[in-house]
Amino acid sequence: MQRRSRTARAAMLAAALVLGGSAGTARAIIPDFPFPPVNKPPTGVSPEPPIVLTPPPVIVPPVERPPPVHRTPEPATLVLGLIGAGVAGLAARRRQRRSIATAE
């Protein structure tokens, strides 16, 4: 059998595939496609076990969390609210006294 160069074999393979052939047909046309067959050494296990590739573990960097938010108002806000409620109560009381005084 005549040895062909690698580019000649590649050209024959491309021509076989373009003409509607499959890789099996190309193997039939080109005897040592793409390289001579390699015999694997026997492993003693039949059938050979599958090769299992596990993905590397995902390392998540620690997340800096903001400080906790307390929903308690500041003391000055509480005092201001109490003063406002007292002023509103005094205004309502004065209005009530005036309406009673004008009714009499």
PDB file of N, CA and C in Angstrom:
ATOM      1  N   MET A   1       0.855  -1.181   0.000  1.00  0.00           N
ATOM      2  CA  MET A   1       0.000   0.000   0.000  1.00  0.00           C
ATOM      3  C   MET A   1       0.899   1.242   0.000  1.00  0.00           C
ATOM      4  N   GLN A   2       0.487   2.208  -0.696  1.00  0.00           N
ATOM      5  CA  GLN A   2       1.268   3.418  -0.855  1.00  0.00           C
ATOM      6  C   GLN A   2       0.975   4.365   0.318  1.00  0.00           C
ATOM      7  N   ARG A   3       2.026   4.941   0.924  1.00  0.00           N
ATOM      8  CA  ARG A   3       1.864   5.888   2.032  1.00  0.00           C
ATOM      9  C   ARG A   3       1.529   7.256   1.458  1.00  0.00           C
ATOM     10  N   ARG A   4       0.545   7.894   2.044  1.00  0.00           N
ATOM     11  CA  ARG A   4       0.159   9.227   1.586  1.00  0.00           C
ATOM     12  C   ARG A   4       0.542  10.242   2.657  1.00  0.00           C
ATOM     13  N   SER A   5       0.751  11.445   2.241  1.00  0.00           N
ATOM     14  CA  SER A   5       1.088  12.489   3.207  1.00  0.00           C
ATOM     15  C   SER A   5      -0.166  12.876   3.984  1.00  0.00           C
ATOM     16  N   ARG A   6       0.064  13.536   5.060  1.00  0.00           N
ATOM     17  CA  ARG A   6      -1.054  13.930   5.937  1.00  0.00           C
ATOM     18  C   ARG A   6      -2.008  14.873   5.207  1.00  0.00           C
ATOM     19  N   THR A   7      -1.493  15.804   4.445  1.00  0.00           N
ATOM     20  CA  THR A   7      -2.364  16.739   3.725  1.00  0.00           C
ATOM     21  C   THR A   7      -3.152  16.037   2.630  1.00  0.00           C
ATOM     22  N   ALA A   8      -2.547  15.031   1.997  1.00  0.00           N
ATOM     23  CA  ALA A   8      -3.278  14.290   0.970  1.00  0.00           C
ATOM     24  C   ALA A   8      -4.425  13.507   1.597  1.00  0.00           C
ATOM     25  N   ARG A   9      -4.176  12.909   2.768  1.00  0.00           N
ATOM     26  CA  ARG A   9      -5.249  12.188   3.456  1.00  0.00           C
ATOM     27  C   ARG A   9      -6.355  13.141   3.899  1.00  0.00           C
ATOM     28  N   ALA A  10      -5.969  14.329   4.372  1.00  0.00           N
ATOM     29  CA  ALA A  10      -6.970  15.310   4.791  1.00  0.00           C
ATOM     30  C   ALA A  10      -7.795  15.764   3.599  1.00  0.00           C
ATOM     31  N   ALA A  11      -7.158  15.930   2.437  1.00  0.00           N
ATOM     32  CA  ALA A  11      -7.882  16.343   1.238  1.00  0.00           C
ATOM     33  C   ALA A  11      -8.850  15.250   0.799  1.00  0.00           C
ATOM     34  N   MET A  12      -8.425  13.992   0.883  1.00  0.00           N
ATOM     35  CA  MET A  12      -9.313  12.883   0.521  1.00  0.00           C
ATOM     36  C   MET A  12     -10.488  12.786   1.492  1.00  0.00           C
ATOM     37  N   LEU A  13     -10.218  13.005   2.769  1.00  0.00           N
ATOM     38  CA  LEU A  13     -11.285  12.977   3.765  1.00  0.00           C
ATOM     39  C   LEU A  13     -12.287  14.087   3.486  1.00  0.00           C
ATOM     40  N   ALA A  14     -11.809  15.294   3.198  1.00  0.00           N
ATOM     41  CA  ALA A  14     -12.703  16.414   2.910  1.00  0.00           C
ATOM     42  C   ALA A  14     -13.526  16.125   1.666  1.00  0.00           C
ATOM     43  N   ALA A  15     -12.901  15.549   0.646  1.00  0.00           N
ATOM     44  CA  ALA A  15     -13.638  15.222  -0.575  1.00  0.00           C
ATOM     45  C   ALA A  15     -14.692  14.164  -0.306  1.00  0.00           C
ATOM     46  N   ALA A  16     -14.371  13.172   0.505  1.00  0.00           N
ATOM     47  CA  ALA A  16     -15.341  12.119   0.816  1.00  0.00           C
ATOM     48  C   ALA A  16     -16.518  12.685   1.601  1.00  0.00           C
ATOM     49  N   LEU A  17     -16.246  13.586   2.510  1.00  0.00           N
ATOM     50  CA  LEU A  17     -17.326  14.170   3.307  1.00  0.00           C
ATOM     51  C   LEU A  17     -18.178  15.117   2.480  1.00  0.00           C
ATOM     52  N   VAL A  18     -17.563  15.868   1.559  1.00  0.00           N
ATOM     53  CA  VAL A  18     -18.302  16.808   0.729  1.00  0.00           C
ATOM     54  C   VAL A  18     -19.201  16.056  -0.240  1.00  0.00           C
ATOM     55  N   LEU A  19     -18.759  14.939  -0.734  1.00  0.00           N
ATOM     56  CA  LEU A  19     -19.539  14.173  -1.701  1.00  0.00           C
ATOM     57  C   LEU A  19     -20.689  13.405  -1.049  1.00  0.00           C
ATOM     58  N   GLY A  20     -20.970  13.683   0.180  1.00  0.00           N
ATOM     59  CA  GLY A  20     -22.135  13.088   0.830  1.00  0.00           C
ATOM     60  C   GLY A  20     -21.804  11.855   1.631  1.00  0.00           C
ATOM     61  N   GLY A  21     -20.567  11.609   1.832  1.00  0.00           N
ATOM     62  CA  GLY A  21     -20.191  10.445   2.611  1.00  0.00           C
ATOM     63  C   GLY A  21     -20.181  10.766   4.095  1.00  0.00           C
ATOM     64  N   SER A  22     -19.975   9.751   4.883  1.00  0.00           N
ATOM     65  CA  SER A  22     -19.874   9.942   6.321  1.00  0.00           C
ATOM     66  C   SER A  22     -18.443   9.646   6.733  1.00  0.00           C
ATOM     67  N   ALA A  23     -18.170   9.758   8.011  1.00  0.00           N
ATOM     68  CA  ALA A  23     -16.827   9.463   8.493  1.00  0.00           C
ATOM     69  C   ALA A  23     -16.509   7.989   8.294  1.00  0.00           C
ATOM     70  N   GLY A  24     -17.506   7.107   8.370  1.00  0.00           N
ATOM     71  CA  GLY A  24     -17.284   5.684   8.130  1.00  0.00           C
ATOM     72  C   GLY A  24     -16.863   5.425   6.697  1.00  0.00           C
ATOM     73  N   THR A  25     -17.486   6.115   5.757  1.00  0.00           N
ATOM     74  CA  THR A  25     -17.110   5.962   4.356  1.00  0.00           C
ATOM     75  C   THR A  25     -15.702   6.493   4.141  1.00  0.00           C
ATOM     76  N   ALA A  26     -15.381   7.584   4.797  1.00  0.00           N
ATOM     77  CA  ALA A  26     -14.041   8.145   4.660  1.00  0.00           C
ATOM     78  C   ALA A  26     -13.011   7.172   5.213  1.00  0.00           C
ATOM     79  N   ARG A  27     -13.340   6.477   6.292  1.00  0.00           N
ATOM     80  CA  ARG A  27     -12.418   5.494   6.854  1.00  0.00           C
ATOM     81  C   ARG A  27     -12.219   4.331   5.879  1.00  0.00           C
ATOM     82  N   ALA A  28     -13.291   3.989   5.144  1.00  0.00           N
ATOM     83  CA  ALA A  28     -13.162   2.899   4.177  1.00  0.00           C
ATOM     84  C   ALA A  28     -12.287   3.331   3.002  1.00  0.00           C
ATOM     85  N   ILE A  29     -12.385   4.591   2.599  1.00  0.00           N
ATOM     86  CA  ILE A  29     -11.593   5.080   1.467  1.00  0.00           C
ATOM     87  C   ILE A  29     -10.141   5.262   1.890  1.00  0.00           C
ATOM     88  N   ILE A  30      -9.938   5.847   3.058  1.00  0.00           N
ATOM     89  CA  ILE A  30      -8.590   6.122   3.552  1.00  0.00           C
ATOM     90  C   ILE A  30      -8.298   5.092   4.634  1.00  0.00           C
ATOM     91  N   PRO A  31      -7.474   4.085   4.369  1.00  0.00           N
ATOM     92  CA  PRO A  31      -7.304   2.994   5.308  1.00  0.00           C
ATOM     93  C   PRO A  31      -6.779   3.405   6.675  1.00  0.00           C
ATOM     94  N   ASP A  32      -5.752   4.217   6.767  1.00  0.00           N
ATOM     95  CA  ASP A  32      -5.262   4.609   8.093  1.00  0.00           C
ATOM     96  C   ASP A  32      -5.714   6.030   8.385  1.00  0.00           C
ATOM     97  N   PHE A  33      -7.012   6.160   8.666  1.00  0.00           N
ATOM     98  CA  PHE A  33      -7.650   7.452   8.902  1.00  0.00           C
ATOM     99  C   PHE A  33      -7.700   7.733  10.379  1.00  0.00           C
ATOM    100  N   PRO A  34      -7.471   8.898  10.897  1.00  0.00           N
ATOM    101  CA  PRO A  34      -6.461   9.846  10.458  1.00  0.00           C
ATOM    102  C   PRO A  34      -5.071   9.364  10.820  1.00  0.00           C
ATOM    103  N   PHE A  35      -4.949   8.407  11.733  1.00  0.00           N
ATOM    104  CA  PHE A  35      -3.669   7.837  12.114  1.00  0.00           C
ATOM    105  C   PHE A  35      -3.853   6.330  12.208  1.00  0.00           C
ATOM    106  N   PRO A  36      -2.796   5.572  12.212  1.00  0.00           N
ATOM    107  CA  PRO A  36      -2.964   4.127  12.379  1.00  0.00           C
ATOM    108  C   PRO A  36      -3.646   3.831  13.712  1.00  0.00           C
ATOM    109  N   PRO A  37      -4.480   2.781  13.792  1.00  0.00           N
ATOM    110  CA  PRO A  37      -5.198   2.495  15.034  1.00  0.00           C
ATOM    111  C   PRO A  37      -4.228   2.179  16.161  1.00  0.00           C
ATOM    112  N   VAL A  38      -4.590   2.622  17.347  1.00  0.00           N
ATOM    113  CA  VAL A  38      -3.772   2.405  18.530  1.00  0.00           C
ATOM    114  C   VAL A  38      -4.484   1.372  19.388  1.00  0.00           C
ATOM    115  N   ASN A  39      -3.780   0.319  19.735  1.00  0.00           N
ATOM    116  CA  ASN A  39      -4.354  -0.705  20.601  1.00  0.00           C
ATOM    117  C   ASN A  39      -4.110  -0.313  22.045  1.00  0.00           C
ATOM    118  N   LYS A  40      -5.186  -0.246  22.824  1.00  0.00           N
ATOM    119  CA  LYS A  40      -5.056   0.104  24.237  1.00  0.00           C
ATOM    120  C   LYS A  40      -4.610  -1.134  25.002  1.00  0.00           C
ATOM    121  N   PRO A  41      -3.786  -0.952  26.028  1.00  0.00           N
ATOM    122  CA  PRO A  41      -3.410  -2.112  26.840  1.00  0.00           C
ATOM    123  C   PRO A  41      -4.625  -2.600  27.629  1.00  0.00           C
ATOM    124  N   PRO A  42      -4.750  -3.891  27.846  1.00  0.00           N
ATOM    125  CA  PRO A  42      -5.918  -4.392  28.590  1.00  0.00           C
ATOM    126  C   PRO A  42      -5.866  -3.943  30.041  1.00  0.00           C
ATOM    127  N   THR A  43      -7.021  -3.611  30.577  1.00  0.00           N
ATOM    128  CA  THR A  43      -7.108  -3.172  31.973  1.00  0.00           C
ATOM    129  C   THR A  43      -7.524  -4.297  32.897  1.00  0.00           C
ATOM    130  N   GLY A  44      -8.011  -5.385  32.347  1.00  0.00           N
ATOM    131  CA  GLY A  44      -8.456  -6.495  33.184  1.00  0.00           C
ATOM    132  C   GLY A  44      -9.902  -6.348  33.589  1.00  0.00           C
ATOM    133  N   VAL A  45     -10.539  -5.243  33.269  1.00  0.00           N
ATOM    134  CA  VAL A  45     -11.927  -4.996  33.618  1.00  0.00           C
ATOM    135  C   VAL A  45     -12.721  -4.957  32.322  1.00  0.00           C
ATOM    136  N   SER A  46     -13.812  -5.693  32.280  1.00  0.00           N
ATOM    137  CA  SER A  46     -14.635  -5.679  31.078  1.00  0.00           C
ATOM    138  C   SER A  46     -16.073  -5.453  31.484  1.00  0.00           C
ATOM    139  N   PRO A  47     -16.796  -4.520  31.011  1.00  0.00           N
ATOM    140  CA  PRO A  47     -16.364  -3.393  30.203  1.00  0.00           C
ATOM    141  C   PRO A  47     -15.582  -2.402  31.056  1.00  0.00           C
ATOM    142  N   GLU A  48     -14.850  -1.538  30.385  1.00  0.00           N
ATOM    143  CA  GLU A  48     -14.019  -0.575  31.108  1.00  0.00           C
ATOM    144  C   GLU A  48     -14.890   0.391  31.891  1.00  0.00           C
ATOM    145  N   PRO A  49     -14.488   0.715  33.124  1.00  0.00           N
ATOM    146  CA  PRO A  49     -15.295   1.642  33.924  1.00  0.00           C
ATOM    147  C   PRO A  49     -15.276   3.033  33.313  1.00  0.00           C
ATOM    148  N   PRO A  50     -16.363   3.789  33.486  1.00  0.00           N
ATOM    149  CA  PRO A  50     -16.386   5.146  32.933  1.00  0.00           C
ATOM    150  C   PRO A  50     -15.460   6.072  33.709  1.00  0.00           C
ATOM    151  N   ILE A  51     -14.974   7.065  33.031  1.00  0.00           N
ATOM    152  CA  ILE A  51     -14.133   8.074  33.669  1.00  0.00           C
ATOM    153  C   ILE A  51     -15.061   9.158  34.208  1.00  0.00           C
ATOM    154  N   VAL A  52     -15.008   9.372  35.513  1.00  0.00           N
ATOM    155  CA  VAL A  52     -15.885  10.347  36.160  1.00  0.00           C
ATOM    156  C   VAL A  52     -15.058  11.575  36.491  1.00  0.00           C
ATOM    157  N   LEU A  53     -15.453  12.693  35.921  1.00  0.00           N
ATOM    158  CA  LEU A  53     -14.791  13.966  36.209  1.00  0.00           C
ATOM    159  C   LEU A  53     -15.701  14.792  37.088  1.00  0.00           C
ATOM    160  N   THR A  54     -15.231  15.148  38.255  1.00  0.00           N
ATOM    161  CA  THR A  54     -16.031  15.981  39.157  1.00  0.00           C
ATOM    162  C   THR A  54     -15.604  17.428  38.973  1.00  0.00           C
ATOM    163  N   PRO A  55     -16.557  18.338  38.951  1.00  0.00           N
ATOM    164  CA  PRO A  55     -16.189  19.748  38.800  1.00  0.00           C
ATOM    165  C   PRO A  55     -15.488  20.245  40.066  1.00  0.00           C
ATOM    166  N   PRO A  56     -14.629  21.234  39.928  1.00  0.00           N
ATOM    167  CA  PRO A  56     -13.953  21.762  41.119  1.00  0.00           C
ATOM    168  C   PRO A  56     -14.963  22.438  42.037  1.00  0.00           C
ATOM    169  N   PRO A  57     -14.709  22.439  43.335  1.00  0.00           N
ATOM    170  CA  PRO A  57     -15.656  23.077  44.255  1.00  0.00           C
ATOM    171  C   PRO A  57     -15.714  24.583  44.027  1.00  0.00           C
ATOM    172  N   VAL A  58     -16.892  25.131  44.197  1.00  0.00           N
ATOM    173  CA  VAL A  58     -17.090  26.567  44.017  1.00  0.00           C
ATOM    174  C   VAL A  58     -16.784  27.252  45.338  1.00  0.00           C
ATOM    175  N   ILE A  59     -15.844  28.161  45.305  1.00  0.00           N
ATOM    176  CA  ILE A  59     -15.457  28.886  46.519  1.00  0.00           C
ATOM    177  C   ILE A  59     -16.139  30.248  46.477  1.00  0.00           C
ATOM    178  N   VAL A  60     -17.008  30.481  47.455  1.00  0.00           N
ATOM    179  CA  VAL A  60     -17.740  31.739  47.532  1.00  0.00           C
ATOM    180  C   VAL A  60     -17.061  32.616  48.579  1.00  0.00           C
ATOM    181  N   PRO A  61     -16.635  33.812  48.207  1.00  0.00           N
ATOM    182  CA  PRO A  61     -15.995  34.677  49.196  1.00  0.00           C
ATOM    183  C   PRO A  61     -17.008  35.131  50.239  1.00  0.00           C
ATOM    184  N   PRO A  62     -16.552  35.361  51.468  1.00  0.00           N
ATOM    185  CA  PRO A  62     -17.491  35.815  52.497  1.00  0.00           C
ATOM    186  C   PRO A  62     -18.058  37.192  52.154  1.00  0.00           C
ATOM    187  N   VAL A  63     -19.314  37.373  52.465  1.00  0.00           N
ATOM    188  CA  VAL A  63     -20.005  38.622  52.151  1.00  0.00           C
ATOM    189  C   VAL A  63     -20.019  39.490  53.403  1.00  0.00           C
ATOM    190  N   GLU A  64     -19.564  40.729  53.249  1.00  0.00           N
ATOM    191  CA  GLU A  64     -19.620  41.652  54.381  1.00  0.00           C
ATOM    192  C   GLU A  64     -21.044  42.158  54.518  1.00  0.00           C
ATOM    193  N   ARG A  65     -21.608  41.931  55.672  1.00  0.00           N
ATOM    194  CA  ARG A  65     -22.993  42.349  55.896  1.00  0.00           C
ATOM    195  C   ARG A  65     -23.019  43.713  56.575  1.00  0.00           C
ATOM    196  N   PRO A  66     -24.019  44.507  56.249  1.00  0.00           N
ATOM    197  CA  PRO A  66     -24.112  45.812  56.911  1.00  0.00           C
ATOM    198  C   PRO A  66     -24.483  45.625  58.378  1.00  0.00           C
ATOM    199  N   PRO A  67     -24.208  46.631  59.194  1.00  0.00           N
ATOM    200  CA  PRO A  67     -24.565  46.505  60.614  1.00  0.00           C
ATOM    201  C   PRO A  67     -26.078  46.375  60.761  1.00  0.00           C
ATOM    202  N   PRO A  68     -26.531  45.727  61.845  1.00  0.00           N
ATOM    203  CA  PRO A  68     -27.974  45.552  62.018  1.00  0.00           C
ATOM    204  C   PRO A  68     -28.695  46.890  62.182  1.00  0.00           C
ATOM    205  N   VAL A  69     -29.911  46.959  61.687  1.00  0.00           N
ATOM    206  CA  VAL A  69     -30.709  48.185  61.758  1.00  0.00           C
ATOM    207  C   VAL A  69     -31.748  47.988  62.858  1.00  0.00           C
ATOM    208  N   HIS A  70     -31.710  48.875  63.847  1.00  0.00           N
ATOM    209  CA  HIS A  70     -32.692  48.808  64.920  1.00  0.00           C
ATOM    210  C   HIS A  70     -33.834  49.756  64.587  1.00  0.00           C
ATOM    211  N   ARG A  71     -35.032  49.319  64.823  1.00  0.00           N
ATOM    212  CA  ARG A  71     -36.196  50.121  64.470  1.00  0.00           C
ATOM    213  C   ARG A  71     -36.710  50.959  65.657  1.00  0.00           C
ATOM    214  N   THR A  72     -35.863  51.162  66.642  1.00  0.00           N
ATOM    215  CA  THR A  72     -36.240  51.981  67.791  1.00  0.00           C
ATOM    216  C   THR A  72     -35.860  53.425  67.502  1.00  0.00           C
ATOM    217  N   PRO A  73     -36.794  54.382  67.667  1.00  0.00           N
ATOM    218  CA  PRO A  73     -36.447  55.781  67.402  1.00  0.00           C
ATOM    219  C   PRO A  73     -35.479  56.328  68.458  1.00  0.00           C
ATOM    220  N   GLU A  74     -34.797  57.403  68.112  1.00  0.00           N
ATOM    221  CA  GLU A  74     -33.865  58.027  69.043  1.00  0.00           C
ATOM    222  C   GLU A  74     -34.649  58.698  70.173  1.00  0.00           C
ATOM    223  N   PRO A  75     -34.033  58.861  71.334  1.00  0.00           N
ATOM    224  CA  PRO A  75     -34.741  59.487  72.465  1.00  0.00           C
ATOM    225  C   PRO A  75     -35.246  60.897  72.154  1.00  0.00           C
ATOM    226  N   ALA A  76     -34.482  61.689  71.407  1.00  0.00           N
ATOM    227  CA  ALA A  76     -34.917  63.049  71.083  1.00  0.00           C
ATOM    228  C   ALA A  76     -36.197  63.018  70.249  1.00  0.00           C
ATOM    229  N   THR A  77     -36.327  62.022  69.378  1.00  0.00           N
ATOM    230  CA  THR A  77     -37.530  61.900  68.553  1.00  0.00           C
ATOM    231  C   THR A  77     -38.733  61.567  69.434  1.00  0.00           C
ATOM    232  N   LEU A  78     -38.524  60.673  70.411  1.00  0.00           N
ATOM    233  CA  LEU A  78     -39.626  60.324  71.325  1.00  0.00           C
ATOM    234  C   LEU A  78     -40.071  61.543  72.136  1.00  0.00           C
ATOM    235  N   VAL A  79     -39.107  62.318  72.642  1.00  0.00           N
ATOM    236  CA  VAL A  79     -39.446  63.501  73.441  1.00  0.00           C
ATOM    237  C   VAL A  79     -40.196  64.517  72.589  1.00  0.00           C
ATOM    238  N   LEU A  80     -39.730  64.742  71.373  1.00  0.00           N
ATOM    239  CA  LEU A  80     -40.401  65.690  70.494  1.00  0.00           C
ATOM    240  C   LEU A  80     -41.824  65.230  70.190  1.00  0.00           C
ATOM    241  N   GLY A  81     -42.027  63.924  69.989  1.00  0.00           N
ATOM    242  CA  GLY A  81     -43.372  63.401  69.749  1.00  0.00           C
ATOM    243  C   GLY A  81     -44.279  63.594  70.957  1.00  0.00           C
ATOM    244  N   LEU A  82     -43.756  63.364  72.153  1.00  0.00           N
ATOM    245  CA  LEU A  82     -44.561  63.567  73.361  1.00  0.00           C
ATOM    246  C   LEU A  82     -44.924  65.041  73.558  1.00  0.00           C
ATOM    247  N   ILE A  83     -43.970  65.937  73.278  1.00  0.00           N
ATOM    248  CA  ILE A  83     -44.263  67.373  73.395  1.00  0.00           C
ATOM    249  C   ILE A  83     -45.333  67.766  72.387  1.00  0.00           C
ATOM    250  N   GLY A  84     -45.237  67.279  71.149  1.00  0.00           N
ATOM    251  CA  GLY A  84     -46.247  67.594  70.127  1.00  0.00           C
ATOM    252  C   GLY A  84     -47.619  67.069  70.518  1.00  0.00           C
ATOM    253  N   ALA A  85     -47.684  65.849  71.095  1.00  0.00           N
ATOM    254  CA  ALA A  85     -48.972  65.308  71.534  1.00  0.00           C
ATOM    255  C   ALA A  85     -49.530  66.143  72.673  1.00  0.00           C
ATOM    256  N   GLY A  86     -48.657  66.622  73.583  1.00  0.00           N
ATOM    257  CA  GLY A  86     -49.124  67.466  74.686  1.00  0.00           C
ATOM    258  C   GLY A  86     -49.671  68.796  74.199  1.00  0.00           C
ATOM    259  N   VAL A  87     -48.984  69.411  73.216  1.00  0.00           N
ATOM    260  CA  VAL A  87     -49.451  70.684  72.664  1.00  0.00           C
ATOM    261  C   VAL A  87     -50.782  70.490  71.949  1.00  0.00           C
ATOM    262  N   ALA A  88     -50.933  69.412  71.224  1.00  0.00           N
ATOM    263  CA  ALA A  88     -52.208  69.152  70.541  1.00  0.00           C
ATOM    264  C   ALA A  88     -53.318  68.916  71.559  1.00  0.00           C
ATOM    265  N   GLY A  89     -53.015  68.222  72.649  1.00  0.00           N
ATOM    266  CA  GLY A  89     -54.019  68.012  73.701  1.00  0.00           C
ATOM    267  C   GLY A  89     -54.420  69.312  74.366  1.00  0.00           C
ATOM    268  N   LEU A  90     -53.438  70.200  74.628  1.00  0.00           N
ATOM    269  CA  LEU A  90     -53.762  71.497  75.227  1.00  0.00           C
ATOM    270  C   LEU A  90     -54.619  72.336  74.281  1.00  0.00           C
ATOM    271  N   ALA A  91     -54.314  72.307  72.994  1.00  0.00           N
ATOM    272  CA  ALA A  91     -55.102  73.080  72.033  1.00  0.00           C
ATOM    273  C   ALA A  91     -56.530  72.547  71.973  1.00  0.00           C
ATOM    274  N   ALA A  92     -56.712  71.252  72.012  1.00  0.00           N
ATOM    275  CA  ALA A  92     -58.056  70.686  71.987  1.00  0.00           C
ATOM    276  C   ALA A  92     -58.809  71.044  73.268  1.00  0.00           C
ATOM    277  N   ARG A  93     -58.092  71.048  74.383  1.00  0.00           N
ATOM    278  CA  ARG A  93     -58.753  71.384  75.657  1.00  0.00           C
ATOM    279  C   ARG A  93     -59.173  72.858  75.673  1.00  0.00           C
ATOM    280  N   ARG A  94     -58.322  73.762  75.160  1.00  0.00           N
ATOM    281  CA  ARG A  94     -58.685  75.185  75.129  1.00  0.00           C
ATOM    282  C   ARG A  94     -59.871  75.411  74.205  1.00  0.00           C
ATOM    283  N   ARG A  95     -59.885  74.713  73.078  1.00  0.00           N
ATOM    284  CA  ARG A  95     -60.992  74.873  72.144  1.00  0.00           C
ATOM    285  C   ARG A  95     -62.298  74.405  72.800  1.00  0.00           C
ATOM    286  N   GLN A  96     -62.209  73.305  73.554  1.00  0.00           N
ATOM    287  CA  GLN A  96     -63.418  72.789  74.205  1.00  0.00           C
ATOM    288  C   GLN A  96     -63.899  73.777  75.274  1.00  0.00           C
ATOM    289  N   ARG A  97     -63.002  74.374  76.049  1.00  0.00           N
ATOM    290  CA  ARG A  97     -63.403  75.351  77.078  1.00  0.00           C
ATOM    291  C   ARG A  97     -64.034  76.579  76.434  1.00  0.00           C
ATOM    292  N   ARG A  98     -63.501  77.046  75.314  1.00  0.00           N
ATOM    293  CA  ARG A  98     -64.083  78.220  74.653  1.00  0.00           C
ATOM    294  C   ARG A  98     -65.483  77.926  74.149  1.00  0.00           C
ATOM    295  N   SER A  99     -65.688  76.708  73.577  1.00  0.00           N
ATOM    296  CA  SER A  99     -67.021  76.417  73.067  1.00  0.00           C
ATOM    297  C   SER A  99     -68.033  76.302  74.204  1.00  0.00           C
ATOM    298  N   ILE A 100     -67.610  75.827  75.364  1.00  0.00           N
ATOM    299  CA  ILE A 100     -68.522  75.745  76.515  1.00  0.00           C
ATOM    300  C   ILE A 100     -68.805  77.156  77.057  1.00  0.00           C
ATOM    301  N   ALA A 101     -67.780  78.045  77.099  1.00  0.00           N
ATOM    302  CA  ALA A 101     -67.960  79.392  77.605  1.00  0.00           C
ATOM    303  C   ALA A 101     -68.861  80.218  76.687  1.00  0.00           C
ATOM    304  N   THR A 102     -68.780  80.031  75.391  1.00  0.00           N
ATOM    305  CA  THR A 102     -69.647  80.810  74.507  1.00  0.00           C
ATOM    306  C   THR A 102     -71.049  80.256  74.493  1.00  0.00           C
ATOM    307  N   ALA A 103     -71.231  78.990  74.848  1.00  0.00           N
ATOM    308  CA  ALA A 103     -72.566  78.395  74.852  1.00  0.00           C
ATOM    309  C   ALA A 103     -73.357  78.857  76.052  1.00  0.00           C
ATOM    310  N   GLU A 104     -72.722  79.258  77.131  1.00  0.00           N
ATOM    311  CA  GLU A 104     -73.442  79.642  78.347  1.00  0.00           C
ATOM    312  C   GLU A 104     -73.969  81.017  78.336  1.00  0.00           C
TER     313      GLU A 104
END
